[in-house]
Amino acid sequence: MLMPDIVSRMRHTAPVPSLLTGPLLVLMLMCLLPAQLDAAPGGKTEILPLEKSAPAAVVIETAGSEAELRRQMRAKNGVTELHTGSVRFSQAPTGSFGFIAPKLLGLALVTQSPDLGLERVAPAANAYEIHKLADGSGMLVGFMGSDLMPQVAPSQRPKNIRIALYSNPSDKAPHIVAIPLVKLMVDRVPVRLDPKKADGPVMLDMDLQGTANRKSSQMGQ
């Protein structure tokens, strides 16, 4: 065989770098990558969802009429009345307030129902007021005695405290407060101060969680 023919054949049969080599390597690395990410000492890694921190309790220590105290609290929380007659808390616009009957509030809190039914107009004189803040958090508005104010007012509470929240002001509970719904642990419905008055003031006895505690229910948050 002539030397020129051999050289010619070698030129045609010599291996040429494949254009597929790069993509194949990339695919192989992608297949191995998830296994490397999932492998972690003690098991797979878990990404927890971000949890919004509960707002601090809001306290107004000045005295005044019930109407004036409610006006001050609404201004402080930046809320205005609802535009519709009735609405679920989840559907209510942020920066708004509504009312709920004591019995319905108690049942919702005891069962940890996440969505409260709100009314634009108070259904009774002893209805509780609910504020939906700009960030979507829910606040329960009521009246409290002076003895509990120092425990409720601080932004940091190291432990749970037992509180009594009244639907209306009195000599025993002259101060208006707004408590974050997500921090309330309730095991009973509100009780009337005067059993003979159906729409008379009521009192809700409950636990206000410490700021470090995390509640499983997402009510008002």
N, C-alpha and C. Protein backbone atom coordinates (compact mmCIF):
# COMPACT_ATOMS: atom_id res chain seq x y z
N MET A 1 0.86 -1.19 0.00
CA MET A 1 0.00 0.00 0.00
C MET A 1 0.89 1.23 0.00
N LEU A 2 0.52 2.20 -0.76
CA LEU A 2 1.31 3.41 -0.87
C LEU A 2 1.17 4.28 0.37
N MET A 3 2.27 4.90 0.76
CA MET A 3 2.28 5.75 1.94
C MET A 3 1.26 6.87 1.89
N PRO A 4 1.05 7.57 0.77
CA PRO A 4 0.04 8.65 0.71
C PRO A 4 -1.35 8.14 1.03
N ASP A 5 -1.69 6.89 0.58
CA ASP A 5 -3.02 6.36 0.88
C ASP A 5 -3.21 6.12 2.36
N ILE A 6 -2.17 5.59 3.04
CA ILE A 6 -2.25 5.34 4.49
C ILE A 6 -2.45 6.64 5.26
N VAL A 7 -1.70 7.65 4.90
CA VAL A 7 -1.82 8.96 5.56
C VAL A 7 -3.20 9.52 5.38
N SER A 8 -3.76 9.38 4.17
CA SER A 8 -5.09 9.90 3.87
C SER A 8 -6.15 9.23 4.73
N ARG A 9 -6.02 7.84 4.88
CA ARG A 9 -7.00 7.12 5.69
C ARG A 9 -6.89 7.52 7.17
N MET A 10 -5.68 7.73 7.65
CA MET A 10 -5.50 8.12 9.04
C MET A 10 -6.14 9.47 9.32
N ARG A 11 -6.10 10.36 8.33
CA ARG A 11 -6.71 11.67 8.52
C ARG A 11 -8.23 11.55 8.67
N HIS A 12 -8.84 10.62 7.92
CA HIS A 12 -10.30 10.48 7.94
C HIS A 12 -10.78 9.71 9.17
N THR A 13 -9.92 8.84 9.73
CA THR A 13 -10.36 8.00 10.85
C THR A 13 -9.87 8.49 12.20
N ALA A 14 -9.09 9.53 12.27
CA ALA A 14 -8.58 10.04 13.55
C ALA A 14 -9.73 10.57 14.40
N PRO A 15 -9.76 10.28 15.70
CA PRO A 15 -10.86 10.74 16.56
C PRO A 15 -10.89 12.26 16.66
N VAL A 16 -12.11 12.77 16.61
CA VAL A 16 -12.32 14.21 16.70
C VAL A 16 -13.01 14.50 18.02
N PRO A 17 -12.55 15.48 18.79
CA PRO A 17 -13.21 15.81 20.07
C PRO A 17 -14.70 16.03 19.88
N SER A 18 -15.53 15.31 20.64
CA SER A 18 -16.98 15.37 20.46
C SER A 18 -17.55 16.64 21.08
N LEU A 19 -18.50 17.24 20.38
CA LEU A 19 -19.16 18.43 20.90
C LEU A 19 -20.14 18.10 22.02
N LEU A 20 -20.44 16.78 22.19
CA LEU A 20 -21.39 16.36 23.21
C LEU A 20 -20.74 16.15 24.58
N THR A 21 -19.40 16.16 24.61
CA THR A 21 -18.72 15.87 25.87
C THR A 21 -19.10 16.87 26.96
N GLY A 22 -19.12 18.16 26.67
CA GLY A 22 -19.46 19.20 27.65
C GLY A 22 -20.86 19.03 28.22
N PRO A 23 -21.90 18.95 27.37
CA PRO A 23 -23.26 18.76 27.90
C PRO A 23 -23.43 17.49 28.71
N LEU A 24 -22.75 16.41 28.31
CA LEU A 24 -22.88 15.16 29.05
C LEU A 24 -22.32 15.31 30.47
N LEU A 25 -21.20 16.00 30.59
CA LEU A 25 -20.62 16.22 31.92
C LEU A 25 -21.54 17.06 32.80
N VAL A 26 -22.18 18.06 32.20
CA VAL A 26 -23.11 18.90 32.95
C VAL A 26 -24.28 18.10 33.47
N LEU A 27 -24.83 17.21 32.61
CA LEU A 27 -25.95 16.37 33.02
C LEU A 27 -25.57 15.43 34.15
N MET A 28 -24.37 14.88 34.08
CA MET A 28 -23.91 13.98 35.12
C MET A 28 -23.79 14.71 36.46
N LEU A 29 -23.27 15.93 36.42
CA LEU A 29 -23.12 16.70 37.65
C LEU A 29 -24.48 17.07 38.24
N MET A 30 -25.46 17.37 37.37
CA MET A 30 -26.79 17.73 37.84
C MET A 30 -27.47 16.54 38.50
N CYS A 31 -27.22 15.35 38.01
CA CYS A 31 -27.80 14.15 38.60
C CYS A 31 -27.22 13.87 39.99
N LEU A 32 -25.96 14.20 40.17
CA LEU A 32 -25.31 13.94 41.44
C LEU A 32 -25.60 15.02 42.48
N LEU A 33 -25.91 16.25 42.03
CA LEU A 33 -26.05 17.38 42.92
C LEU A 33 -27.16 17.22 43.95
N PRO A 34 -28.41 16.82 43.61
CA PRO A 34 -29.45 16.69 44.63
C PRO A 34 -29.08 15.73 45.75
N ALA A 35 -28.42 14.65 45.39
CA ALA A 35 -28.04 13.69 46.42
C ALA A 35 -27.05 14.31 47.40
N GLN A 36 -26.16 15.15 46.90
CA GLN A 36 -25.19 15.79 47.77
C GLN A 36 -25.87 16.81 48.69
N LEU A 37 -26.87 17.53 48.15
CA LEU A 37 -27.55 18.53 48.95
C LEU A 37 -28.40 17.89 50.03
N ASP A 38 -29.05 16.77 49.72
CA ASP A 38 -29.91 16.11 50.68
C ASP A 38 -29.12 15.43 51.78
N ALA A 39 -27.91 15.02 51.45
CA ALA A 39 -27.12 14.28 52.44
C ALA A 39 -26.58 15.25 53.47
N ALA A 40 -26.99 15.06 54.71
CA ALA A 40 -26.51 15.92 55.80
C ALA A 40 -26.37 15.07 57.04
N PRO A 41 -25.46 15.43 57.92
CA PRO A 41 -25.27 14.63 59.13
C PRO A 41 -26.58 14.51 59.91
N GLY A 42 -26.99 13.28 60.21
CA GLY A 42 -28.19 13.06 60.98
C GLY A 42 -29.46 13.03 60.16
N GLY A 43 -29.40 13.23 58.85
CA GLY A 43 -30.61 13.20 58.03
C GLY A 43 -30.65 14.35 57.07
N LYS A 44 -31.79 14.47 56.38
CA LYS A 44 -31.94 15.51 55.38
C LYS A 44 -32.13 16.88 56.05
N THR A 45 -31.69 17.90 55.36
CA THR A 45 -31.88 19.25 55.86
C THR A 45 -33.33 19.65 55.66
N GLU A 46 -33.85 20.52 56.55
CA GLU A 46 -35.23 20.97 56.47
C GLU A 46 -35.25 22.48 56.51
N ILE A 47 -36.00 23.07 55.59
CA ILE A 47 -36.13 24.52 55.55
C ILE A 47 -37.46 24.88 56.18
N LEU A 48 -37.42 25.57 57.33
CA LEU A 48 -38.64 25.94 58.02
C LEU A 48 -39.22 27.21 57.41
N PRO A 49 -40.57 27.31 57.31
CA PRO A 49 -41.17 28.53 56.78
C PRO A 49 -40.96 29.69 57.74
N LEU A 50 -40.84 30.88 57.18
CA LEU A 50 -40.65 32.06 58.00
C LEU A 50 -41.94 32.35 58.78
N GLU A 51 -41.81 32.68 60.05
CA GLU A 51 -42.99 32.98 60.86
C GLU A 51 -42.94 34.44 61.27
N LYS A 52 -44.04 35.13 61.00
CA LYS A 52 -44.11 36.54 61.34
C LYS A 52 -44.24 36.68 62.85
N SER A 53 -43.46 37.58 63.45
CA SER A 53 -43.52 37.77 64.89
C SER A 53 -44.82 38.48 65.26
N ALA A 54 -45.35 38.13 66.43
CA ALA A 54 -46.59 38.73 66.90
C ALA A 54 -46.36 40.19 67.29
N PRO A 55 -47.33 41.05 67.05
CA PRO A 55 -47.17 42.45 67.46
C PRO A 55 -47.21 42.57 68.99
N ALA A 56 -46.68 43.63 69.49
CA ALA A 56 -46.70 43.87 70.94
C ALA A 56 -48.09 44.36 71.35
N ALA A 57 -48.43 44.11 72.61
CA ALA A 57 -49.69 44.63 73.14
C ALA A 57 -49.64 46.16 73.15
N VAL A 58 -50.80 46.76 72.90
CA VAL A 58 -50.90 48.22 72.87
C VAL A 58 -51.72 48.67 74.08
N VAL A 59 -51.19 49.61 74.82
CA VAL A 59 -51.82 50.07 76.05
C VAL A 59 -51.96 51.58 76.02
N ILE A 60 -53.13 52.08 76.42
CA ILE A 60 -53.35 53.52 76.58
C ILE A 60 -53.69 53.75 78.04
N GLU A 61 -52.83 54.44 78.73
CA GLU A 61 -52.97 54.58 80.18
C GLU A 61 -53.81 55.78 80.60
N THR A 62 -54.11 56.68 79.67
CA THR A 62 -54.91 57.85 80.04
C THR A 62 -56.36 57.47 80.28
N ALA A 63 -57.04 58.25 81.08
CA ALA A 63 -58.45 58.03 81.36
C ALA A 63 -59.31 58.78 80.35
N GLY A 64 -60.56 58.38 80.27
CA GLY A 64 -61.48 59.04 79.34
C GLY A 64 -62.75 58.24 79.19
N SER A 65 -63.67 58.76 78.39
CA SER A 65 -64.90 58.04 78.12
C SER A 65 -64.62 56.84 77.23
N GLU A 66 -65.54 55.89 77.20
CA GLU A 66 -65.34 54.70 76.36
C GLU A 66 -65.16 55.09 74.90
N ALA A 67 -65.99 56.00 74.41
CA ALA A 67 -65.91 56.42 73.01
C ALA A 67 -64.55 57.06 72.71
N GLU A 68 -64.05 57.88 73.63
CA GLU A 68 -62.78 58.56 73.42
C GLU A 68 -61.62 57.56 73.47
N LEU A 69 -61.67 56.61 74.40
CA LEU A 69 -60.61 55.62 74.50
C LEU A 69 -60.56 54.73 73.26
N ARG A 70 -61.71 54.35 72.75
CA ARG A 70 -61.75 53.55 71.52
C ARG A 70 -61.20 54.34 70.34
N ARG A 71 -61.54 55.62 70.29
CA ARG A 71 -61.03 56.47 69.20
C ARG A 71 -59.51 56.55 69.25
N GLN A 72 -58.96 56.71 70.45
CA GLN A 72 -57.51 56.78 70.60
C GLN A 72 -56.83 55.47 70.19
N MET A 73 -57.43 54.34 70.59
CA MET A 73 -56.84 53.06 70.24
C MET A 73 -56.88 52.82 68.74
N ARG A 74 -57.98 53.18 68.09
CA ARG A 74 -58.08 53.01 66.64
C ARG A 74 -57.04 53.87 65.92
N ALA A 75 -56.85 55.09 66.41
CA ALA A 75 -55.85 55.97 65.80
C ALA A 75 -54.44 55.40 66.01
N LYS A 76 -54.18 54.86 67.18
CA LYS A 76 -52.86 54.32 67.48
C LYS A 76 -52.56 53.09 66.64
N ASN A 77 -53.58 52.27 66.39
CA ASN A 77 -53.39 51.06 65.57
C ASN A 77 -53.57 51.32 64.08
N GLY A 78 -54.01 52.53 63.73
CA GLY A 78 -54.16 52.87 62.32
C GLY A 78 -55.27 52.12 61.62
N VAL A 79 -56.44 52.01 62.26
CA VAL A 79 -57.55 51.26 61.67
C VAL A 79 -58.78 52.16 61.52
N THR A 80 -59.60 51.83 60.52
CA THR A 80 -60.87 52.51 60.29
C THR A 80 -61.96 51.45 60.17
N GLU A 81 -63.21 51.87 60.25
CA GLU A 81 -64.30 50.90 60.28
C GLU A 81 -64.44 50.18 58.94
N LEU A 82 -65.02 48.99 59.00
CA LEU A 82 -65.25 48.18 57.80
C LEU A 82 -66.21 48.89 56.85
N HIS A 83 -66.09 48.57 55.57
CA HIS A 83 -66.99 49.15 54.57
C HIS A 83 -68.17 48.25 54.27
N THR A 84 -68.13 47.00 54.74
CA THR A 84 -69.21 46.06 54.52
C THR A 84 -69.86 45.69 55.85
N GLY A 85 -71.10 45.20 55.79
CA GLY A 85 -71.85 44.88 56.99
C GLY A 85 -71.22 43.77 57.81
N SER A 86 -70.79 42.70 57.16
CA SER A 86 -70.16 41.57 57.84
C SER A 86 -69.14 40.94 56.92
N VAL A 87 -68.08 40.40 57.51
CA VAL A 87 -66.99 39.83 56.73
C VAL A 87 -66.15 38.93 57.63
N ARG A 88 -65.52 37.92 57.03
CA ARG A 88 -64.57 37.10 57.78
C ARG A 88 -63.28 37.89 57.97
N PHE A 89 -62.59 37.59 59.05
CA PHE A 89 -61.34 38.30 59.33
C PHE A 89 -60.36 38.19 58.17
N SER A 90 -60.27 37.00 57.58
CA SER A 90 -59.32 36.79 56.48
C SER A 90 -59.64 37.65 55.26
N GLN A 91 -60.91 38.01 55.10
CA GLN A 91 -61.33 38.80 53.95
C GLN A 91 -61.40 40.30 54.26
N ALA A 92 -61.31 40.66 55.51
CA ALA A 92 -61.36 42.07 55.88
C ALA A 92 -60.09 42.78 55.40
N PRO A 93 -60.22 44.02 54.95
CA PRO A 93 -59.03 44.75 54.50
C PRO A 93 -58.11 45.06 55.68
N THR A 94 -56.83 45.14 55.42
CA THR A 94 -55.90 45.53 56.47
C THR A 94 -56.17 46.98 56.86
N GLY A 95 -55.87 47.31 58.09
CA GLY A 95 -56.12 48.66 58.56
C GLY A 95 -57.59 48.91 58.82
N SER A 96 -58.31 47.89 59.30
CA SER A 96 -59.75 48.05 59.55
C SER A 96 -60.11 47.43 60.90
N PHE A 97 -61.31 47.76 61.39
CA PHE A 97 -61.78 47.16 62.64
C PHE A 97 -63.24 46.77 62.51
N GLY A 98 -63.63 45.76 63.32
CA GLY A 98 -65.01 45.31 63.36
C GLY A 98 -65.32 44.79 64.74
N PHE A 99 -66.50 44.22 64.90
CA PHE A 99 -66.95 43.75 66.21
C PHE A 99 -67.40 42.30 66.12
N ILE A 100 -67.39 41.64 67.27
CA ILE A 100 -67.85 40.26 67.35
C ILE A 100 -68.53 40.05 68.70
N ALA A 101 -69.63 39.30 68.70
CA ALA A 101 -70.36 39.03 69.93
C ALA A 101 -69.48 38.21 70.88
N PRO A 102 -69.61 38.43 72.19
CA PRO A 102 -68.76 37.73 73.16
C PRO A 102 -68.80 36.21 73.04
N LYS A 103 -69.99 35.65 72.88
CA LYS A 103 -70.10 34.19 72.80
C LYS A 103 -69.37 33.64 71.59
N LEU A 104 -69.54 34.30 70.44
CA LEU A 104 -68.87 33.84 69.22
C LEU A 104 -67.35 33.99 69.34
N LEU A 105 -66.91 35.06 69.97
CA LEU A 105 -65.48 35.24 70.19
C LEU A 105 -64.94 34.13 71.08
N GLY A 106 -65.64 33.85 72.17
CA GLY A 106 -65.19 32.82 73.09
C GLY A 106 -65.09 31.46 72.43
N LEU A 107 -66.11 31.10 71.65
CA LEU A 107 -66.09 29.81 70.97
C LEU A 107 -64.93 29.72 69.98
N ALA A 108 -64.70 30.81 69.25
CA ALA A 108 -63.61 30.82 68.26
C ALA A 108 -62.25 30.68 68.93
N LEU A 109 -62.07 31.36 70.06
CA LEU A 109 -60.77 31.30 70.76
C LEU A 109 -60.56 29.95 71.44
N VAL A 110 -61.62 29.40 72.04
CA VAL A 110 -61.49 28.11 72.71
C VAL A 110 -61.16 27.01 71.71
N THR A 111 -61.82 27.04 70.54
CA THR A 111 -61.59 26.01 69.51
C THR A 111 -60.43 26.37 68.59
N GLN A 112 -59.83 27.55 68.80
CA GLN A 112 -58.72 28.04 67.98
C GLN A 112 -59.10 28.10 66.51
N SER A 113 -60.32 28.54 66.25
CA SER A 113 -60.77 28.74 64.86
C SER A 113 -59.99 29.91 64.28
N PRO A 114 -59.38 29.73 63.11
CA PRO A 114 -58.49 30.75 62.58
C PRO A 114 -59.18 31.97 61.98
N ASP A 115 -60.50 31.90 61.73
CA ASP A 115 -61.17 32.99 61.03
C ASP A 115 -62.38 33.47 61.82
N LEU A 116 -62.34 34.71 62.26
CA LEU A 116 -63.44 35.28 63.03
C LEU A 116 -64.43 35.98 62.10
N GLY A 117 -65.70 35.94 62.48
CA GLY A 117 -66.71 36.68 61.74
C GLY A 117 -66.87 38.06 62.34
N LEU A 118 -66.63 39.11 61.55
CA LEU A 118 -66.68 40.49 62.05
C LEU A 118 -67.90 41.23 61.53
N GLU A 119 -68.41 42.14 62.35
CA GLU A 119 -69.53 43.00 61.97
C GLU A 119 -69.08 44.45 61.96
N ARG A 120 -69.61 45.19 61.01
CA ARG A 120 -69.25 46.61 60.95
C ARG A 120 -69.81 47.36 62.16
N VAL A 121 -71.02 47.02 62.54
CA VAL A 121 -71.68 47.64 63.70
C VAL A 121 -71.71 46.63 64.84
N ALA A 122 -71.43 47.08 66.04
CA ALA A 122 -71.42 46.19 67.19
C ALA A 122 -72.79 45.52 67.35
N PRO A 123 -72.84 44.18 67.37
CA PRO A 123 -74.13 43.48 67.49
C PRO A 123 -74.76 43.62 68.88
N ALA A 124 -73.98 44.04 69.85
CA ALA A 124 -74.48 44.24 71.21
C ALA A 124 -73.56 45.22 71.91
N ALA A 125 -74.05 45.77 73.02
CA ALA A 125 -73.26 46.75 73.76
C ALA A 125 -72.00 46.14 74.35
N ASN A 126 -72.01 44.82 74.56
CA ASN A 126 -70.85 44.15 75.15
C ASN A 126 -69.99 43.43 74.11
N ALA A 127 -70.14 43.78 72.84
CA ALA A 127 -69.33 43.15 71.79
C ALA A 127 -67.88 43.56 71.94
N TYR A 128 -66.99 42.65 71.57
CA TYR A 128 -65.56 42.95 71.58
C TYR A 128 -65.15 43.53 70.22
N GLU A 129 -64.14 44.36 70.26
CA GLU A 129 -63.64 45.01 69.04
C GLU A 129 -62.38 44.29 68.57
N ILE A 130 -62.30 44.07 67.25
CA ILE A 130 -61.15 43.39 66.65
C ILE A 130 -60.49 44.33 65.66
N HIS A 131 -59.18 44.49 65.75
CA HIS A 131 -58.43 45.32 64.82
C HIS A 131 -57.59 44.43 63.89
N LYS A 132 -57.61 44.72 62.61
CA LYS A 132 -56.72 44.05 61.67
C LYS A 132 -55.67 45.07 61.23
N LEU A 133 -54.46 44.88 61.70
CA LEU A 133 -53.40 45.86 61.46
C LEU A 133 -52.92 45.85 60.01
N ALA A 134 -52.05 46.80 59.70
CA ALA A 134 -51.56 46.94 58.34
C ALA A 134 -50.81 45.70 57.86
N ASP A 135 -50.19 44.95 58.79
CA ASP A 135 -49.46 43.74 58.41
C ASP A 135 -50.34 42.49 58.44
N GLY A 136 -51.64 42.66 58.71
CA GLY A 136 -52.56 41.53 58.72
C GLY A 136 -52.75 40.89 60.08
N SER A 137 -52.03 41.34 61.10
CA SER A 137 -52.16 40.78 62.45
C SER A 137 -53.50 41.18 63.07
N GLY A 138 -54.03 40.30 63.93
CA GLY A 138 -55.28 40.58 64.60
C GLY A 138 -55.06 40.98 66.05
N MET A 139 -55.80 41.97 66.51
CA MET A 139 -55.69 42.45 67.88
C MET A 139 -57.08 42.47 68.51
N LEU A 140 -57.17 41.95 69.72
CA LEU A 140 -58.41 41.96 70.49
C LEU A 140 -58.39 43.16 71.44
N VAL A 141 -59.40 44.01 71.34
CA VAL A 141 -59.47 45.23 72.14
C VAL A 141 -60.43 45.02 73.31
N GLY A 142 -60.01 45.46 74.48
CA GLY A 142 -60.85 45.36 75.67
C GLY A 142 -60.33 46.28 76.75
N PHE A 143 -60.81 46.06 77.96
CA PHE A 143 -60.45 46.94 79.07
C PHE A 143 -59.89 46.10 80.21
N MET A 144 -58.96 46.70 80.93
CA MET A 144 -58.17 45.95 81.90
C MET A 144 -57.93 46.78 83.17
N GLY A 145 -57.69 46.07 84.27
CA GLY A 145 -57.39 46.74 85.53
C GLY A 145 -55.96 47.25 85.59
N SER A 146 -55.73 48.19 86.47
CA SER A 146 -54.40 48.81 86.59
C SER A 146 -53.34 47.83 87.05
N ASP A 147 -53.73 46.81 87.81
CA ASP A 147 -52.76 45.88 88.38
C ASP A 147 -52.06 45.04 87.31
N LEU A 148 -52.73 44.82 86.16
CA LEU A 148 -52.15 43.99 85.10
C LEU A 148 -51.35 44.80 84.08
N MET A 149 -51.49 46.08 84.08
CA MET A 149 -50.85 46.91 83.05
C MET A 149 -49.33 46.73 83.00
N PRO A 150 -48.62 46.73 84.15
CA PRO A 150 -47.16 46.57 84.07
C PRO A 150 -46.72 45.24 83.47
N GLN A 151 -47.57 44.22 83.56
CA GLN A 151 -47.20 42.91 83.03
C GLN A 151 -47.50 42.79 81.53
N VAL A 152 -48.53 43.48 81.10
CA VAL A 152 -48.95 43.40 79.70
C VAL A 152 -48.19 44.37 78.81
N ALA A 153 -47.90 45.55 79.33
CA ALA A 153 -47.31 46.62 78.52
C ALA A 153 -45.93 46.31 77.95
N PRO A 154 -45.02 45.66 78.69
CA PRO A 154 -43.66 45.45 78.15
C PRO A 154 -43.67 44.67 76.84
N SER A 155 -42.78 45.04 75.92
CA SER A 155 -42.70 44.35 74.63
C SER A 155 -42.14 42.94 74.79
N GLN A 156 -41.40 42.69 75.89
CA GLN A 156 -40.84 41.38 76.15
C GLN A 156 -41.43 40.80 77.45
N ARG A 157 -42.17 39.69 77.32
CA ARG A 157 -42.73 39.01 78.49
C ARG A 157 -42.03 37.66 78.63
N PRO A 158 -41.32 37.44 79.72
CA PRO A 158 -40.56 36.19 79.86
C PRO A 158 -41.44 34.96 80.06
N LYS A 159 -42.68 35.14 80.50
CA LYS A 159 -43.54 33.99 80.76
C LYS A 159 -45.00 34.34 80.52
N ASN A 160 -45.86 33.32 80.53
CA ASN A 160 -47.29 33.54 80.35
C ASN A 160 -47.86 34.23 81.59
N ILE A 161 -48.90 35.03 81.36
CA ILE A 161 -49.60 35.68 82.47
C ILE A 161 -51.10 35.48 82.29
N ARG A 162 -51.80 35.40 83.40
CA ARG A 162 -53.26 35.26 83.38
C ARG A 162 -53.87 36.65 83.39
N ILE A 163 -54.76 36.92 82.45
CA ILE A 163 -55.36 38.24 82.37
C ILE A 163 -56.88 38.13 82.30
N ALA A 164 -57.54 39.21 82.68
CA ALA A 164 -58.99 39.34 82.55
C ALA A 164 -59.24 40.55 81.66
N LEU A 165 -59.92 40.31 80.53
CA LEU A 165 -60.18 41.38 79.57
C LEU A 165 -61.69 41.63 79.52
N TYR A 166 -62.08 42.86 79.83
CA TYR A 166 -63.49 43.22 79.90
C TYR A 166 -63.94 43.87 78.59
N SER A 167 -65.20 43.66 78.28
CA SER A 167 -65.74 44.23 77.03
C SER A 167 -65.96 45.73 77.12
N ASN A 168 -66.16 46.24 78.33
CA ASN A 168 -66.46 47.66 78.54
C ASN A 168 -65.69 48.17 79.75
N PRO A 169 -65.46 49.46 79.81
CA PRO A 169 -64.69 50.01 80.94
C PRO A 169 -65.54 50.08 82.21
N SER A 170 -64.85 50.09 83.33
CA SER A 170 -65.49 50.21 84.64
C SER A 170 -64.45 50.70 85.62
N ASP A 171 -64.87 50.92 86.86
CA ASP A 171 -63.91 51.33 87.88
C ASP A 171 -62.85 50.25 88.09
N LYS A 172 -63.23 48.99 87.88
CA LYS A 172 -62.31 47.88 88.07
C LYS A 172 -61.38 47.71 86.87
N ALA A 173 -61.84 48.13 85.69
CA ALA A 173 -61.05 47.97 84.45
C ALA A 173 -61.16 49.25 83.62
N PRO A 174 -60.40 50.28 84.00
CA PRO A 174 -60.54 51.57 83.31
C PRO A 174 -59.67 51.77 82.08
N HIS A 175 -58.70 50.87 81.86
CA HIS A 175 -57.72 51.10 80.79
C HIS A 175 -58.03 50.26 79.55
N ILE A 176 -57.90 50.87 78.40
CA ILE A 176 -58.13 50.15 77.14
C ILE A 176 -56.80 49.55 76.65
N VAL A 177 -56.87 48.33 76.16
CA VAL A 177 -55.68 47.63 75.67
C VAL A 177 -56.04 46.87 74.39
N ALA A 178 -55.04 46.55 73.61
CA ALA A 178 -55.20 45.72 72.42
C ALA A 178 -54.18 44.58 72.54
N ILE A 179 -54.67 43.35 72.51
CA ILE A 179 -53.85 42.17 72.74
C ILE A 179 -53.76 41.36 71.44
N PRO A 180 -52.56 40.90 71.04
CA PRO A 180 -52.44 40.09 69.82
C PRO A 180 -53.21 38.76 69.94
N LEU A 181 -54.10 38.50 69.01
CA LEU A 181 -54.91 37.29 69.04
C LEU A 181 -54.06 36.03 69.04
N VAL A 182 -52.96 36.05 68.31
CA VAL A 182 -52.13 34.86 68.17
C VAL A 182 -51.46 34.46 69.48
N LYS A 183 -51.45 35.36 70.45
CA LYS A 183 -50.80 35.08 71.73
C LYS A 183 -51.78 34.69 72.84
N LEU A 184 -53.06 34.51 72.49
CA LEU A 184 -54.07 34.22 73.50
C LEU A 184 -54.34 32.73 73.59
N MET A 185 -54.40 32.22 74.80
CA MET A 185 -54.78 30.84 75.07
C MET A 185 -56.02 30.88 75.95
N VAL A 186 -57.15 30.44 75.38
CA VAL A 186 -58.44 30.57 76.05
C VAL A 186 -59.05 29.20 76.28
N ASP A 187 -59.58 28.98 77.49
CA ASP A 187 -60.21 27.70 77.81
C ASP A 187 -61.64 27.85 78.30
N ARG A 188 -62.20 29.05 78.15
CA ARG A 188 -63.58 29.28 78.57
C ARG A 188 -64.16 30.47 77.80
N VAL A 189 -65.48 30.56 77.76
CA VAL A 189 -66.15 31.66 77.08
C VAL A 189 -66.31 32.83 78.04
N PRO A 190 -66.56 34.03 77.53
CA PRO A 190 -66.75 35.18 78.43
C PRO A 190 -67.96 34.99 79.35
N VAL A 191 -67.89 35.57 80.52
CA VAL A 191 -68.98 35.48 81.50
C VAL A 191 -69.53 36.87 81.76
N ARG A 192 -70.84 36.95 81.93
CA ARG A 192 -71.50 38.23 82.21
C ARG A 192 -71.24 38.62 83.66
N LEU A 193 -70.94 39.90 83.87
CA LEU A 193 -70.74 40.38 85.24
C LEU A 193 -72.05 40.39 86.00
N ASP A 194 -73.13 40.67 85.28
CA ASP A 194 -74.47 40.62 85.87
C ASP A 194 -75.29 39.60 85.06
N PRO A 195 -75.51 38.42 85.60
CA PRO A 195 -76.22 37.37 84.85
C PRO A 195 -77.60 37.78 84.35
N LYS A 196 -78.18 38.81 84.96
CA LYS A 196 -79.53 39.23 84.58
C LYS A 196 -79.53 40.16 83.37
N LYS A 197 -78.39 40.67 83.00
CA LYS A 197 -78.31 41.60 81.86
C LYS A 197 -77.65 40.89 80.68
N ALA A 198 -78.44 40.57 79.66
CA ALA A 198 -77.93 39.83 78.52
C ALA A 198 -76.88 40.61 77.74
N ASP A 199 -77.04 41.93 77.68
CA ASP A 199 -76.07 42.74 76.92
C ASP A 199 -75.16 43.53 77.86
N GLY A 200 -75.09 43.11 79.12
CA GLY A 200 -74.23 43.79 80.07
C GLY A 200 -72.76 43.43 79.86
N PRO A 201 -71.85 44.15 80.49
CA PRO A 201 -70.41 43.90 80.32
C PRO A 201 -70.05 42.45 80.63
N VAL A 202 -69.08 41.93 79.89
CA VAL A 202 -68.60 40.56 80.10
C VAL A 202 -67.10 40.59 80.36
N MET A 203 -66.60 39.49 80.89
CA MET A 203 -65.17 39.36 81.19
C MET A 203 -64.66 38.06 80.59
N LEU A 204 -63.53 38.16 79.92
CA LEU A 204 -62.89 36.98 79.32
C LEU A 204 -61.59 36.70 80.07
N ASP A 205 -61.55 35.54 80.72
CA ASP A 205 -60.38 35.13 81.49
C ASP A 205 -59.51 34.23 80.62
N MET A 206 -58.22 34.54 80.47
CA MET A 206 -57.37 33.79 79.53
C MET A 206 -55.90 33.98 79.86
N ASP A 207 -55.06 33.24 79.14
CA ASP A 207 -53.61 33.36 79.27
C ASP A 207 -53.05 34.17 78.11
N LEU A 208 -52.17 35.09 78.43
CA LEU A 208 -51.42 35.83 77.42
C LEU A 208 -50.02 35.23 77.40
N GLN A 209 -49.65 34.65 76.27
CA GLN A 209 -48.36 33.97 76.18
C GLN A 209 -47.19 34.93 76.26
N GLY A 210 -46.08 34.39 76.74
CA GLY A 210 -44.84 35.15 76.73
C GLY A 210 -44.38 35.39 75.31
N THR A 211 -43.58 36.40 75.11
CA THR A 211 -43.17 36.77 73.76
C THR A 211 -42.29 35.72 73.10
N ALA A 212 -41.64 34.86 73.90
CA ALA A 212 -40.76 33.84 73.32
C ALA A 212 -41.52 32.61 72.86
N ASN A 213 -42.75 32.45 73.31
CA ASN A 213 -43.53 31.26 72.97
C ASN A 213 -44.05 31.33 71.55
N ARG A 214 -44.20 30.15 70.93
CA ARG A 214 -44.76 30.06 69.59
C ARG A 214 -46.04 29.25 69.68
N LYS A 215 -47.12 29.81 69.17
CA LYS A 215 -48.40 29.15 69.24
C LYS A 215 -48.67 28.43 67.93
N SER A 216 -49.26 27.24 68.02
CA SER A 216 -49.50 26.45 66.81
C SER A 216 -50.57 27.06 65.94
N SER A 217 -51.57 27.69 66.56
CA SER A 217 -52.65 28.28 65.78
C SER A 217 -52.15 29.52 65.07
N GLN A 218 -52.67 29.75 63.87
CA GLN A 218 -52.29 30.94 63.10
C GLN A 218 -53.39 31.97 63.10
N MET A 219 -54.23 31.96 64.13
CA MET A 219 -55.33 32.91 64.21
C MET A 219 -54.81 34.33 64.19
N GLY A 220 -55.45 35.17 63.31
CA GLY A 220 -55.13 36.58 63.28
C GLY A 220 -53.72 36.88 62.91
N GLN A 221 -53.15 35.97 62.05
CA GLN A 221 -51.79 36.20 61.60
C GLN A 221 -51.58 35.70 60.20
